[in-house]
Amino acid sequence: MILVARRDERLIELADQLQREHPELLVHIRKVDLADFGQLQAFLEQLDREKLEVDLLINNAGLGDSGPFAESDPDRNKEMTVLNVATLTLATRHLLPRMIAQHRGAILNVSSS
């Protein structure tokens, strides 16, 4: 299992909990700001170099906002679009061919309203 997030402390906490509850599980953690295309690309290339198999991609990173869209912050809108759409698309496009080649895999896109 590879856990990815912007903050180390949350990753370490979750990895520790998962390994306590599932001792047979090997958990890798990667600190990556998925809203940063450079960090995303470096992470995907690292997966390729390490030849880690990806059987399940859960696209769960996302941002939201509230209030009238006409009054929203354009910079915040851009940040949300990058993370909620572009990052999800790039990660899926990068990993899907590997899943097809290994004849197994699934992609779960999580969103909220």
PDB file of N, CA and C in Angstrom:
ATOM      1  N   MET A   1       0.852  -1.167   0.000  1.00  0.00           N
ATOM      2  CA  MET A   1       0.000   0.000   0.000  1.00  0.00           C
ATOM      3  C   MET A   1       0.897   1.228   0.000  1.00  0.00           C
ATOM      4  N   ILE A   2       0.537   2.191  -0.832  1.00  0.00           N
ATOM      5  CA  ILE A   2       1.274   3.448  -0.891  1.00  0.00           C
ATOM      6  C   ILE A   2       0.311   4.558  -0.488  1.00  0.00           C
ATOM      7  N   LEU A   3       0.627   5.230   0.597  1.00  0.00           N
ATOM      8  CA  LEU A   3      -0.180   6.352   1.070  1.00  0.00           C
ATOM      9  C   LEU A   3       0.502   7.643   0.652  1.00  0.00           C
ATOM     10  N   VAL A   4      -0.266   8.565   0.111  1.00  0.00           N
ATOM     11  CA  VAL A   4       0.282   9.826  -0.380  1.00  0.00           C
ATOM     12  C   VAL A   4      -0.495  10.976   0.246  1.00  0.00           C
ATOM     13  N   ALA A   5       0.235  11.959   0.780  1.00  0.00           N
ATOM     14  CA  ALA A   5      -0.403  13.160   1.332  1.00  0.00           C
ATOM     15  C   ALA A   5       0.635  14.269   1.428  1.00  0.00           C
ATOM     16  N   ARG A   6       0.164  15.470   1.698  1.00  0.00           N
ATOM     17  CA  ARG A   6       1.060  16.627   1.816  1.00  0.00           C
ATOM     18  C   ARG A   6       1.808  16.666   3.137  1.00  0.00           C
ATOM     19  N   ARG A   7       1.213  16.090   4.183  1.00  0.00           N
ATOM     20  CA  ARG A   7       1.802  16.231   5.520  1.00  0.00           C
ATOM     21  C   ARG A   7       2.291  14.892   6.045  1.00  0.00           C
ATOM     22  N   ASP A   8       3.544  14.881   6.478  1.00  0.00           N
ATOM     23  CA  ASP A   8       4.174  13.666   7.008  1.00  0.00           C
ATOM     24  C   ASP A   8       3.445  13.093   8.211  1.00  0.00           C
ATOM     25  N   GLU A   9       3.059  13.958   9.146  1.00  0.00           N
ATOM     26  CA  GLU A   9       2.511  13.462  10.411  1.00  0.00           C
ATOM     27  C   GLU A   9       1.242  12.644  10.189  1.00  0.00           C
ATOM     28  N   ARG A  10       0.388  13.071   9.286  1.00  0.00           N
ATOM     29  CA  ARG A  10      -0.840  12.315   9.012  1.00  0.00           C
ATOM     30  C   ARG A  10      -0.524  10.988   8.328  1.00  0.00           C
ATOM     31  N   LEU A  11       0.456  10.999   7.438  1.00  0.00           N
ATOM     32  CA  LEU A  11       0.861   9.766   6.760  1.00  0.00           C
ATOM     33  C   LEU A  11       1.404   8.750   7.749  1.00  0.00           C
ATOM     34  N   ILE A  12       2.291   9.198   8.607  1.00  0.00           N
ATOM     35  CA  ILE A  12       2.924   8.308   9.580  1.00  0.00           C
ATOM     36  C   ILE A  12       1.877   7.734  10.529  1.00  0.00           C
ATOM     37  N   GLU A  13       0.976   8.595  10.993  1.00  0.00           N
ATOM     38  CA  GLU A  13      -0.104   8.159  11.891  1.00  0.00           C
ATOM     39  C   GLU A  13      -0.963   7.067  11.244  1.00  0.00           C
ATOM     40  N   LEU A  14      -1.375   7.297  10.007  1.00  0.00           N
ATOM     41  CA  LEU A  14      -2.221   6.329   9.311  1.00  0.00           C
ATOM     42  C   LEU A  14      -1.459   5.044   9.011  1.00  0.00           C
ATOM     43  N   ALA A  15      -0.213   5.162   8.585  1.00  0.00           N
ATOM     44  CA  ALA A  15       0.597   3.972   8.300  1.00  0.00           C
ATOM     45  C   ALA A  15       0.774   3.132   9.561  1.00  0.00           C
ATOM     46  N   ASP A  16       1.050   3.776  10.686  1.00  0.00           N
ATOM     47  CA  ASP A  16       1.199   3.054  11.956  1.00  0.00           C
ATOM     48  C   ASP A  16      -0.086   2.319  12.326  1.00  0.00           C
ATOM     49  N   GLN A  17      -1.210   3.000  12.190  1.00  0.00           N
ATOM     50  CA  GLN A  17      -2.500   2.386  12.514  1.00  0.00           C
ATOM     51  C   GLN A  17      -2.770   1.188  11.602  1.00  0.00           C
ATOM     52  N   LEU A  18      -2.546   1.346  10.310  1.00  0.00           N
ATOM     53  CA  LEU A  18      -2.788   0.249   9.365  1.00  0.00           C
ATOM     54  C   LEU A  18      -1.896  -0.949   9.655  1.00  0.00           C
ATOM     55  N   GLN A  19      -0.639  -0.689   9.998  1.00  0.00           N
ATOM     56  CA  GLN A  19       0.274  -1.802  10.263  1.00  0.00           C
ATOM     57  C   GLN A  19      -0.045  -2.490  11.586  1.00  0.00           C
ATOM     58  N   ARG A  20      -0.561  -1.745  12.557  1.00  0.00           N
ATOM     59  CA  ARG A  20      -1.002  -2.374  13.806  1.00  0.00           C
ATOM     60  C   ARG A  20      -2.195  -3.285  13.547  1.00  0.00           C
ATOM     61  N   GLU A  21      -3.141  -2.789  12.758  1.00  0.00           N
ATOM     62  CA  GLU A  21      -4.366  -3.545  12.492  1.00  0.00           C
ATOM     63  C   GLU A  21      -4.168  -4.659  11.467  1.00  0.00           C
ATOM     64  N   HIS A  22      -3.173  -4.498  10.604  1.00  0.00           N
ATOM     65  CA  HIS A  22      -2.915  -5.480   9.533  1.00  0.00           C
ATOM     66  C   HIS A  22      -1.406  -5.715   9.436  1.00  0.00           C
ATOM     67  N   PRO A  23      -0.836  -6.505  10.345  1.00  0.00           N
ATOM     68  CA  PRO A  23       0.616  -6.684  10.393  1.00  0.00           C
ATOM     69  C   PRO A  23       1.213  -7.239   9.094  1.00  0.00           C
ATOM     70  N   GLU A  24       0.415  -7.932   8.305  1.00  0.00           N
ATOM     71  CA  GLU A  24       0.914  -8.509   7.057  1.00  0.00           C
ATOM     72  C   GLU A  24       1.038  -7.463   5.944  1.00  0.00           C
ATOM     73  N   LEU A  25       0.504  -6.280   6.160  1.00  0.00           N
ATOM     74  CA  LEU A  25       0.456  -5.233   5.145  1.00  0.00           C
ATOM     75  C   LEU A  25       1.757  -4.440   5.118  1.00  0.00           C
ATOM     76  N   LEU A  26       2.323  -4.282   3.939  1.00  0.00           N
ATOM     77  CA  LEU A  26       3.501  -3.440   3.753  1.00  0.00           C
ATOM     78  C   LEU A  26       3.010  -2.065   3.324  1.00  0.00           C
ATOM     79  N   VAL A  27       3.309  -1.048   4.118  1.00  0.00           N
ATOM     80  CA  VAL A  27       2.813   0.299   3.852  1.00  0.00           C
ATOM     81  C   VAL A  27       3.984   1.213   3.513  1.00  0.00           C
ATOM     82  N   HIS A  28       3.908   1.834   2.340  1.00  0.00           N
ATOM     83  CA  HIS A  28       4.876   2.847   1.922  1.00  0.00           C
ATOM     84  C   HIS A  28       4.199   4.203   2.101  1.00  0.00           C
ATOM     85  N   ILE A  29       4.966   5.205   2.509  1.00  0.00           N
ATOM     86  CA  ILE A  29       4.406   6.552   2.592  1.00  0.00           C
ATOM     87  C   ILE A  29       5.232   7.487   1.713  1.00  0.00           C
ATOM     88  N   ARG A  30       4.536   8.405   1.070  1.00  0.00           N
ATOM     89  CA  ARG A  30       5.178   9.386   0.208  1.00  0.00           C
ATOM     90  C   ARG A  30       4.558  10.749   0.490  1.00  0.00           C
ATOM     91  N   LYS A  31       5.408  11.702   0.823  1.00  0.00           N
ATOM     92  CA  LYS A  31       4.950  13.073   1.033  1.00  0.00           C
ATOM     93  C   LYS A  31       4.962  13.765  -0.329  1.00  0.00           C
ATOM     94  N   VAL A  32       3.775  14.070  -0.830  1.00  0.00           N
ATOM     95  CA  VAL A  32       3.637  14.680  -2.154  1.00  0.00           C
ATOM     96  C   VAL A  32       2.484  15.677  -2.110  1.00  0.00           C
ATOM     97  N   ASP A  33       2.731  16.881  -2.597  1.00  0.00           N
ATOM     98  CA  ASP A  33       1.640  17.842  -2.776  1.00  0.00           C
ATOM     99  C   ASP A  33       1.070  17.586  -4.164  1.00  0.00           C
ATOM    100  N   LEU A  34      -0.051  16.908  -4.224  1.00  0.00           N
ATOM    101  CA  LEU A  34      -0.626  16.496  -5.500  1.00  0.00           C
ATOM    102  C   LEU A  34      -1.141  17.664  -6.332  1.00  0.00           C
ATOM    103  N   ALA A  35      -1.250  18.845  -5.752  1.00  0.00           N
ATOM    104  CA  ALA A  35      -1.647  20.026  -6.510  1.00  0.00           C
ATOM    105  C   ALA A  35      -0.457  20.636  -7.248  1.00  0.00           C
ATOM    106  N   ASP A  36       0.725  20.116  -7.009  1.00  0.00           N
ATOM    107  CA  ASP A  36       1.956  20.590  -7.654  1.00  0.00           C
ATOM    108  C   ASP A  36       2.331  19.579  -8.740  1.00  0.00           C
ATOM    109  N   PHE A  37       2.195  19.981 -10.010  1.00  0.00           N
ATOM    110  CA  PHE A  37       2.457  19.050 -11.113  1.00  0.00           C
ATOM    111  C   PHE A  37       3.865  18.471 -11.069  1.00  0.00           C
ATOM    112  N   GLY A  38       4.835  19.272 -10.661  1.00  0.00           N
ATOM    113  CA  GLY A  38       6.211  18.782 -10.572  1.00  0.00           C
ATOM    114  C   GLY A  38       6.337  17.654  -9.562  1.00  0.00           C
ATOM    115  N   GLN A  39       5.731  17.836  -8.388  1.00  0.00           N
ATOM    116  CA  GLN A  39       5.772  16.783  -7.369  1.00  0.00           C
ATOM    117  C   GLN A  39       4.995  15.549  -7.815  1.00  0.00           C
ATOM    118  N   LEU A  40       3.866  15.751  -8.468  1.00  0.00           N
ATOM    119  CA  LEU A  40       3.078  14.622  -8.961  1.00  0.00           C
ATOM    120  C   LEU A  40       3.881  13.821  -9.974  1.00  0.00           C
ATOM    121  N   GLN A  41       4.488  14.513 -10.939  1.00  0.00           N
ATOM    122  CA  GLN A  41       5.263  13.817 -11.972  1.00  0.00           C
ATOM    123  C   GLN A  41       6.443  13.075 -11.356  1.00  0.00           C
ATOM    124  N   ALA A  42       7.136  13.703 -10.413  1.00  0.00           N
ATOM    125  CA  ALA A  42       8.268  13.044  -9.749  1.00  0.00           C
ATOM    126  C   ALA A  42       7.801  11.793  -9.009  1.00  0.00           C
ATOM    127  N   PHE A  43       6.654  11.863  -8.358  1.00  0.00           N
ATOM    128  CA  PHE A  43       6.104  10.704  -7.650  1.00  0.00           C
ATOM    129  C   PHE A  43       5.781   9.574  -8.622  1.00  0.00           C
ATOM    130  N   LEU A  44       5.123   9.894  -9.726  1.00  0.00           N
ATOM    131  CA  LEU A  44       4.773   8.861 -10.707  1.00  0.00           C
ATOM    132  C   LEU A  44       6.026   8.226 -11.306  1.00  0.00           C
ATOM    133  N   GLU A  45       7.041   9.033 -11.569  1.00  0.00           N
ATOM    134  CA  GLU A  45       8.308   8.496 -12.087  1.00  0.00           C
ATOM    135  C   GLU A  45       8.988   7.616 -11.047  1.00  0.00           C
ATOM    136  N   GLN A  46       8.886   7.989  -9.779  1.00  0.00           N
ATOM    137  CA  GLN A  46       9.448   7.175  -8.701  1.00  0.00           C
ATOM    138  C   GLN A  46       8.759   5.814  -8.648  1.00  0.00           C
ATOM    139  N   LEU A  47       7.450   5.788  -8.812  1.00  0.00           N
ATOM    140  CA  LEU A  47       6.729   4.510  -8.858  1.00  0.00           C
ATOM    141  C   LEU A  47       7.257   3.640  -9.994  1.00  0.00           C
ATOM    142  N   ASP A  48       7.506   4.253 -11.137  1.00  0.00           N
ATOM    143  CA  ASP A  48       8.041   3.508 -12.281  1.00  0.00           C
ATOM    144  C   ASP A  48       9.424   2.946 -11.962  1.00  0.00           C
ATOM    145  N   ARG A  49      10.293   3.780 -11.395  1.00  0.00           N
ATOM    146  CA  ARG A  49      11.659   3.335 -11.067  1.00  0.00           C
ATOM    147  C   ARG A  49      11.655   2.200 -10.055  1.00  0.00           C
ATOM    148  N   GLU A  50      10.787   2.305  -9.050  1.00  0.00           N
ATOM    149  CA  GLU A  50      10.734   1.292  -7.995  1.00  0.00           C
ATOM    150  C   GLU A  50       9.957   0.051  -8.426  1.00  0.00           C
ATOM    151  N   LYS A  51       9.312   0.138  -9.586  1.00  0.00           N
ATOM    152  CA  LYS A  51       8.531  -0.982 -10.131  1.00  0.00           C
ATOM    153  C   LYS A  51       7.492  -1.511  -9.129  1.00  0.00           C
ATOM    154  N   LEU A  52       6.893  -0.586  -8.391  1.00  0.00           N
ATOM    155  CA  LEU A  52       5.842  -0.970  -7.453  1.00  0.00           C
ATOM    156  C   LEU A  52       4.557  -1.224  -8.233  1.00  0.00           C
ATOM    157  N   GLU A  53       3.953  -2.379  -8.005  1.00  0.00           N
ATOM    158  CA  GLU A  53       2.692  -2.696  -8.670  1.00  0.00           C
ATOM    159  C   GLU A  53       1.568  -1.903  -8.022  1.00  0.00           C
ATOM    160  N   VAL A  54       0.718  -1.371  -8.850  1.00  0.00           N
ATOM    161  CA  VAL A  54      -0.447  -0.645  -8.364  1.00  0.00           C
ATOM    162  C   VAL A  54      -1.680  -1.412  -8.819  1.00  0.00           C
ATOM    163  N   ASP A  55      -2.388  -1.996  -7.860  1.00  0.00           N
ATOM    164  CA  ASP A  55      -3.601  -2.759  -8.158  1.00  0.00           C
ATOM    165  C   ASP A  55      -4.861  -1.928  -7.953  1.00  0.00           C
ATOM    166  N   LEU A  56      -4.757  -0.922  -7.106  1.00  0.00           N
ATOM    167  CA  LEU A  56      -5.917  -0.092  -6.800  1.00  0.00           C
ATOM    168  C   LEU A  56      -5.463   1.349  -6.640  1.00  0.00           C
ATOM    169  N   LEU A  57      -6.051   2.228  -7.416  1.00  0.00           N
ATOM    170  CA  LEU A  57      -5.801   3.659  -7.295  1.00  0.00           C
ATOM    171  C   LEU A  57      -7.063   4.283  -6.721  1.00  0.00           C
ATOM    172  N   ILE A  58      -6.917   4.915  -5.569  1.00  0.00           N
ATOM    173  CA  ILE A  58      -8.048   5.625  -4.967  1.00  0.00           C
ATOM    174  C   ILE A  58      -7.750   7.114  -5.068  1.00  0.00           C
ATOM    175  N   ASN A  59      -8.454   7.789  -5.939  1.00  0.00           N
ATOM    176  CA  ASN A  59      -8.321   9.233  -6.095  1.00  0.00           C
ATOM    177  C   ASN A  59      -9.225   9.886  -5.057  1.00  0.00           C
ATOM    178  N   ASN A  60      -8.617  10.260  -3.930  1.00  0.00           N
ATOM    179  CA  ASN A  60      -9.386  10.779  -2.809  1.00  0.00           C
ATOM    180  C   ASN A  60      -8.972  12.197  -2.432  1.00  0.00           C
ATOM    181  N   ALA A  61      -7.910  12.706  -3.045  1.00  0.00           N
ATOM    182  CA  ALA A  61      -7.474  14.066  -2.740  1.00  0.00           C
ATOM    183  C   ALA A  61      -8.446  15.043  -3.385  1.00  0.00           C
ATOM    184  N   GLY A  62      -8.747  16.112  -2.694  1.00  0.00           N
ATOM    185  CA  GLY A  62      -9.647  17.091  -3.283  1.00  0.00           C
ATOM    186  C   GLY A  62      -9.837  18.301  -2.396  1.00  0.00           C
ATOM    187  N   LEU A  63     -10.289  19.356  -3.023  1.00  0.00           N
ATOM    188  CA  LEU A  63     -10.589  20.602  -2.323  1.00  0.00           C
ATOM    189  C   LEU A  63     -12.019  21.002  -2.636  1.00  0.00           C
ATOM    190  N   GLY A  64     -12.598  21.765  -1.753  1.00  0.00           N
ATOM    191  CA  GLY A  64     -13.935  22.288  -1.981  1.00  0.00           C
ATOM    192  C   GLY A  64     -14.023  23.718  -1.496  1.00  0.00           C
ATOM    193  N   ASP A  65     -15.113  24.343  -1.780  1.00  0.00           N
ATOM    194  CA  ASP A  65     -15.340  25.718  -1.367  1.00  0.00           C
ATOM    195  C   ASP A  65     -16.832  25.882  -1.117  1.00  0.00           C
ATOM    196  N   SER A  66     -17.208  26.980  -0.561  1.00  0.00           N
ATOM    197  CA  SER A  66     -18.629  27.244  -0.340  1.00  0.00           C
ATOM    198  C   SER A  66     -18.908  28.703  -0.669  1.00  0.00           C
ATOM    199  N   GLY A  67     -20.159  28.992  -0.811  1.00  0.00           N
ATOM    200  CA  GLY A  67     -20.559  30.356  -1.125  1.00  0.00           C
ATOM    201  C   GLY A  67     -20.836  30.526  -2.604  1.00  0.00           C
ATOM    202  N   PRO A  68     -21.317  31.694  -2.981  1.00  0.00           N
ATOM    203  CA  PRO A  68     -21.638  31.956  -4.384  1.00  0.00           C
ATOM    204  C   PRO A  68     -20.385  31.906  -5.266  1.00  0.00           C
ATOM    205  N   PHE A  69     -20.489  31.173  -6.365  1.00  0.00           N
ATOM    206  CA  PHE A  69     -19.347  31.025  -7.269  1.00  0.00           C
ATOM    207  C   PHE A  69     -18.900  32.375  -7.825  1.00  0.00           C
ATOM    208  N   ALA A  70     -19.846  33.271  -8.097  1.00  0.00           N
ATOM    209  CA  ALA A  70     -19.513  34.584  -8.653  1.00  0.00           C
ATOM    210  C   ALA A  70     -18.644  35.402  -7.704  1.00  0.00           C
ATOM    211  N   GLU A  71     -18.655  35.052  -6.431  1.00  0.00           N
ATOM    212  CA  GLU A  71     -17.857  35.771  -5.436  1.00  0.00           C
ATOM    213  C   GLU A  71     -16.624  34.980  -5.009  1.00  0.00           C
ATOM    214  N   SER A  72     -16.391  33.851  -5.635  1.00  0.00           N
ATOM    215  CA  SER A  72     -15.283  32.985  -5.218  1.00  0.00           C
ATOM    216  C   SER A  72     -13.934  33.537  -5.667  1.00  0.00           C
ATOM    217  N   ASP A  73     -12.897  33.077  -5.010  1.00  0.00           N
ATOM    218  CA  ASP A  73     -11.524  33.491  -5.283  1.00  0.00           C
ATOM    219  C   ASP A  73     -11.007  32.743  -6.514  1.00  0.00           C
ATOM    220  N   PRO A  74     -10.629  33.463  -7.574  1.00  0.00           N
ATOM    221  CA  PRO A  74     -10.142  32.800  -8.785  1.00  0.00           C
ATOM    222  C   PRO A  74      -8.919  31.909  -8.541  1.00  0.00           C
ATOM    223  N   ASP A  75      -8.033  32.319  -7.645  1.00  0.00           N
ATOM    224  CA  ASP A  75      -6.861  31.487  -7.348  1.00  0.00           C
ATOM    225  C   ASP A  75      -7.278  30.185  -6.674  1.00  0.00           C
ATOM    226  N   ARG A  76      -8.240  30.268  -5.786  1.00  0.00           N
ATOM    227  CA  ARG A  76      -8.759  29.061  -5.123  1.00  0.00           C
ATOM    228  C   ARG A  76      -9.448  28.156  -6.150  1.00  0.00           C
ATOM    229  N   ASN A  77     -10.178  28.741  -7.085  1.00  0.00           N
ATOM    230  CA  ASN A  77     -10.819  27.956  -8.143  1.00  0.00           C
ATOM    231  C   ASN A  77      -9.778  27.223  -8.984  1.00  0.00           C
ATOM    232  N   LYS A  78      -8.701  27.911  -9.299  1.00  0.00           N
ATOM    233  CA  LYS A  78      -7.632  27.286 -10.090  1.00  0.00           C
ATOM    234  C   LYS A  78      -7.015  26.124  -9.315  1.00  0.00           C
ATOM    235  N   GLU A  79      -6.724  26.341  -8.038  1.00  0.00           N
ATOM    236  CA  GLU A  79      -6.147  25.296  -7.191  1.00  0.00           C
ATOM    237  C   GLU A  79      -7.077  24.081  -7.109  1.00  0.00           C
ATOM    238  N   MET A  80      -8.374  24.333  -6.956  1.00  0.00           N
ATOM    239  CA  MET A  80      -9.338  23.228  -6.889  1.00  0.00           C
ATOM    240  C   MET A  80      -9.400  22.471  -8.209  1.00  0.00           C
ATOM    241  N   THR A  81      -9.380  23.190  -9.322  1.00  0.00           N
ATOM    242  CA  THR A  81      -9.448  22.542 -10.634  1.00  0.00           C
ATOM    243  C   THR A  81      -8.219  21.685 -10.875  1.00  0.00           C
ATOM    244  N   VAL A  82      -7.062  22.200 -10.525  1.00  0.00           N
ATOM    245  CA  VAL A  82      -5.828  21.424 -10.694  1.00  0.00           C
ATOM    246  C   VAL A  82      -5.905  20.137  -9.888  1.00  0.00           C
ATOM    247  N   LEU A  83      -6.242  20.234  -8.621  1.00  0.00           N
ATOM    248  CA  LEU A  83      -6.253  19.048  -7.763  1.00  0.00           C
ATOM    249  C   LEU A  83      -7.415  18.112  -8.083  1.00  0.00           C
ATOM    250  N   ASN A  84      -8.608  18.655  -8.236  1.00  0.00           N
ATOM    251  CA  ASN A  84      -9.796  17.816  -8.395  1.00  0.00           C
ATOM    252  C   ASN A  84      -9.942  17.214  -9.786  1.00  0.00           C
ATOM    253  N   VAL A  85      -9.356  17.846 -10.798  1.00  0.00           N
ATOM    254  CA  VAL A  85      -9.528  17.363 -12.170  1.00  0.00           C
ATOM    255  C   VAL A  85      -8.198  16.944 -12.790  1.00  0.00           C
ATOM    256  N   ALA A  86      -7.262  17.868 -12.873  1.00  0.00           N
ATOM    257  CA  ALA A  86      -6.019  17.591 -13.603  1.00  0.00           C
ATOM    258  C   ALA A  86      -5.174  16.512 -12.929  1.00  0.00           C
ATOM    259  N   THR A  87      -4.996  16.601 -11.626  1.00  0.00           N
ATOM    260  CA  THR A  87      -4.190  15.604 -10.917  1.00  0.00           C
ATOM    261  C   THR A  87      -4.814  14.221 -11.029  1.00  0.00           C
ATOM    262  N   LEU A  88      -6.112  14.138 -10.820  1.00  0.00           N
ATOM    263  CA  LEU A  88      -6.821  12.868 -10.942  1.00  0.00           C
ATOM    264  C   LEU A  88      -6.628  12.286 -12.346  1.00  0.00           C
ATOM    265  N   THR A  89      -6.771  13.127 -13.360  1.00  0.00           N
ATOM    266  CA  THR A  89      -6.642  12.670 -14.743  1.00  0.00           C
ATOM    267  C   THR A  89      -5.226  12.204 -15.042  1.00  0.00           C
ATOM    268  N   LEU A  90      -4.224  12.972 -14.639  1.00  0.00           N
ATOM    269  CA  LEU A  90      -2.832  12.602 -14.914  1.00  0.00           C
ATOM    270  C   LEU A  90      -2.432  11.313 -14.201  1.00  0.00           C
ATOM    271  N   ALA A  91      -2.800  11.180 -12.947  1.00  0.00           N
ATOM    272  CA  ALA A  91      -2.451   9.963 -12.198  1.00  0.00           C
ATOM    273  C   ALA A  91      -3.135   8.744 -12.804  1.00  0.00           C
ATOM    274  N   THR A  92      -4.407   8.896 -13.143  1.00  0.00           N
ATOM    275  CA  THR A  92      -5.147   7.782 -13.740  1.00  0.00           C
ATOM    276  C   THR A  92      -4.547   7.405 -15.083  1.00  0.00           C
ATOM    277  N   ARG A  93      -4.263   8.385 -15.916  1.00  0.00           N
ATOM    278  CA  ARG A  93      -3.695   8.116 -17.244  1.00  0.00           C
ATOM    279  C   ARG A  93      -2.335   7.439 -17.133  1.00  0.00           C
ATOM    280  N   HIS A  94      -1.554   7.803 -16.143  1.00  0.00           N
ATOM    281  CA  HIS A  94      -0.223   7.222 -15.966  1.00  0.00           C
ATOM    282  C   HIS A  94      -0.299   5.773 -15.482  1.00  0.00           C
ATOM    283  N   LEU A  95      -1.202   5.492 -14.556  1.00  0.00           N
ATOM    284  CA  LEU A  95      -1.245   4.172 -13.923  1.00  0.00           C
ATOM    285  C   LEU A  95      -2.137   3.163 -14.636  1.00  0.00           C
ATOM    286  N   LEU A  96      -3.126   3.621 -15.373  1.00  0.00           N
ATOM    287  CA  LEU A  96      -4.053   2.705 -16.035  1.00  0.00           C
ATOM    288  C   LEU A  96      -3.367   1.733 -16.998  1.00  0.00           C
ATOM    289  N   PRO A  97      -2.436   2.163 -17.844  1.00  0.00           N
ATOM    290  CA  PRO A  97      -1.783   1.192 -18.732  1.00  0.00           C
ATOM    291  C   PRO A  97      -1.068   0.072 -17.972  1.00  0.00           C
ATOM    292  N   ARG A  98      -0.506   0.388 -16.821  1.00  0.00           N
ATOM    293  CA  ARG A  98       0.145  -0.645 -16.004  1.00  0.00           C
ATOM    294  C   ARG A  98      -0.876  -1.657 -15.511  1.00  0.00           C
ATOM    295  N   MET A  99      -2.032  -1.181 -15.088  1.00  0.00           N
ATOM    296  CA  MET A  99      -3.082  -2.089 -14.621  1.00  0.00           C
ATOM    297  C   MET A  99      -3.558  -2.985 -15.764  1.00  0.00           C
ATOM    298  N   ILE A 100      -3.714  -2.408 -16.931  1.00  0.00           N
ATOM    299  CA  ILE A 100      -4.147  -3.190 -18.091  1.00  0.00           C
ATOM    300  C   ILE A 100      -3.105  -4.248 -18.423  1.00  0.00           C
ATOM    301  N   ALA A 101      -1.828  -3.873 -18.403  1.00  0.00           N
ATOM    302  CA  ALA A 101      -0.751  -4.816 -18.728  1.00  0.00           C
ATOM    303  C   ALA A 101      -0.682  -5.970 -17.733  1.00  0.00           C
ATOM    304  N   GLN A 102      -0.981  -5.712 -16.468  1.00  0.00           N
ATOM    305  CA  GLN A 102      -0.914  -6.782 -15.462  1.00  0.00           C
ATOM    306  C   GLN A 102      -2.251  -7.516 -15.317  1.00  0.00           C
ATOM    307  N   HIS A 103      -3.227  -7.144 -16.150  1.00  0.00           N
ATOM    308  CA  HIS A 103      -4.538  -7.813 -16.185  1.00  0.00           C
ATOM    309  C   HIS A 103      -5.278  -7.763 -14.851  1.00  0.00           C
ATOM    310  N   ARG A 104      -5.036  -6.707 -14.100  1.00  0.00           N
ATOM    311  CA  ARG A 104      -5.794  -6.513 -12.865  1.00  0.00           C
ATOM    312  C   ARG A 104      -5.618  -5.063 -12.408  1.00  0.00           C
ATOM    313  N   GLY A 105      -6.592  -4.630 -11.677  1.00  0.00           N
ATOM    314  CA  GLY A 105      -6.530  -3.282 -11.138  1.00  0.00           C
ATOM    315  C   GLY A 105      -7.898  -2.636 -11.133  1.00  0.00           C
ATOM    316  N   ALA A 106      -8.011  -1.605 -10.336  1.00  0.00           N
ATOM    317  CA  ALA A 106      -9.261  -0.860 -10.245  1.00  0.00           C
ATOM    318  C   ALA A 106      -8.937   0.581  -9.880  1.00  0.00           C
ATOM    319  N   ILE A 107      -9.843   1.452 -10.256  1.00  0.00           N
ATOM    320  CA  ILE A 107      -9.701   2.870  -9.954  1.00  0.00           C
ATOM    321  C   ILE A 107     -10.984   3.329  -9.284  1.00  0.00           C
ATOM    322  N   LEU A 108     -10.832   3.970  -8.142  1.00  0.00           N
ATOM    323  CA  LEU A 108     -11.971   4.491  -7.396  1.00  0.00           C
ATOM    324  C   LEU A 108     -11.800   6.000  -7.274  1.00  0.00           C
ATOM    325  N   ASN A 109     -12.739   6.749  -7.828  1.00  0.00           N
ATOM    326  CA  ASN A 109     -12.723   8.203  -7.718  1.00  0.00           C
ATOM    327  C   ASN A 109     -13.717   8.608  -6.640  1.00  0.00           C
ATOM    328  N   VAL A 110     -13.218   9.255  -5.604  1.00  0.00           N
ATOM    329  CA  VAL A 110     -14.035   9.657  -4.462  1.00  0.00           C
ATOM    330  C   VAL A 110     -14.300  11.157  -4.569  1.00  0.00           C
ATOM    331  N   SER A 111     -15.540  11.544  -4.335  1.00  0.00           N
ATOM    332  CA  SER A 111     -15.868  12.967  -4.343  1.00  0.00           C
ATOM    333  C   SER A 111     -16.895  13.244  -3.251  1.00  0.00           C
ATOM    334  N   SER A 112     -17.123  14.509  -3.025  1.00  0.00           N
ATOM    335  CA  SER A 112     -18.123  14.890  -2.034  1.00  0.00           C
ATOM    336  C   SER A 112     -18.966  16.005  -2.626  1.00  0.00           C
ATOM    337  N   SER A 113     -20.047  16.285  -1.964  1.00  0.00           N
ATOM    338  CA  SER A 113     -20.914  17.353  -2.474  1.00  0.00           C
ATOM    339  C   SER A 113     -21.033  18.456  -1.453  1.00  0.00           C
TER     340      SER A 113
END
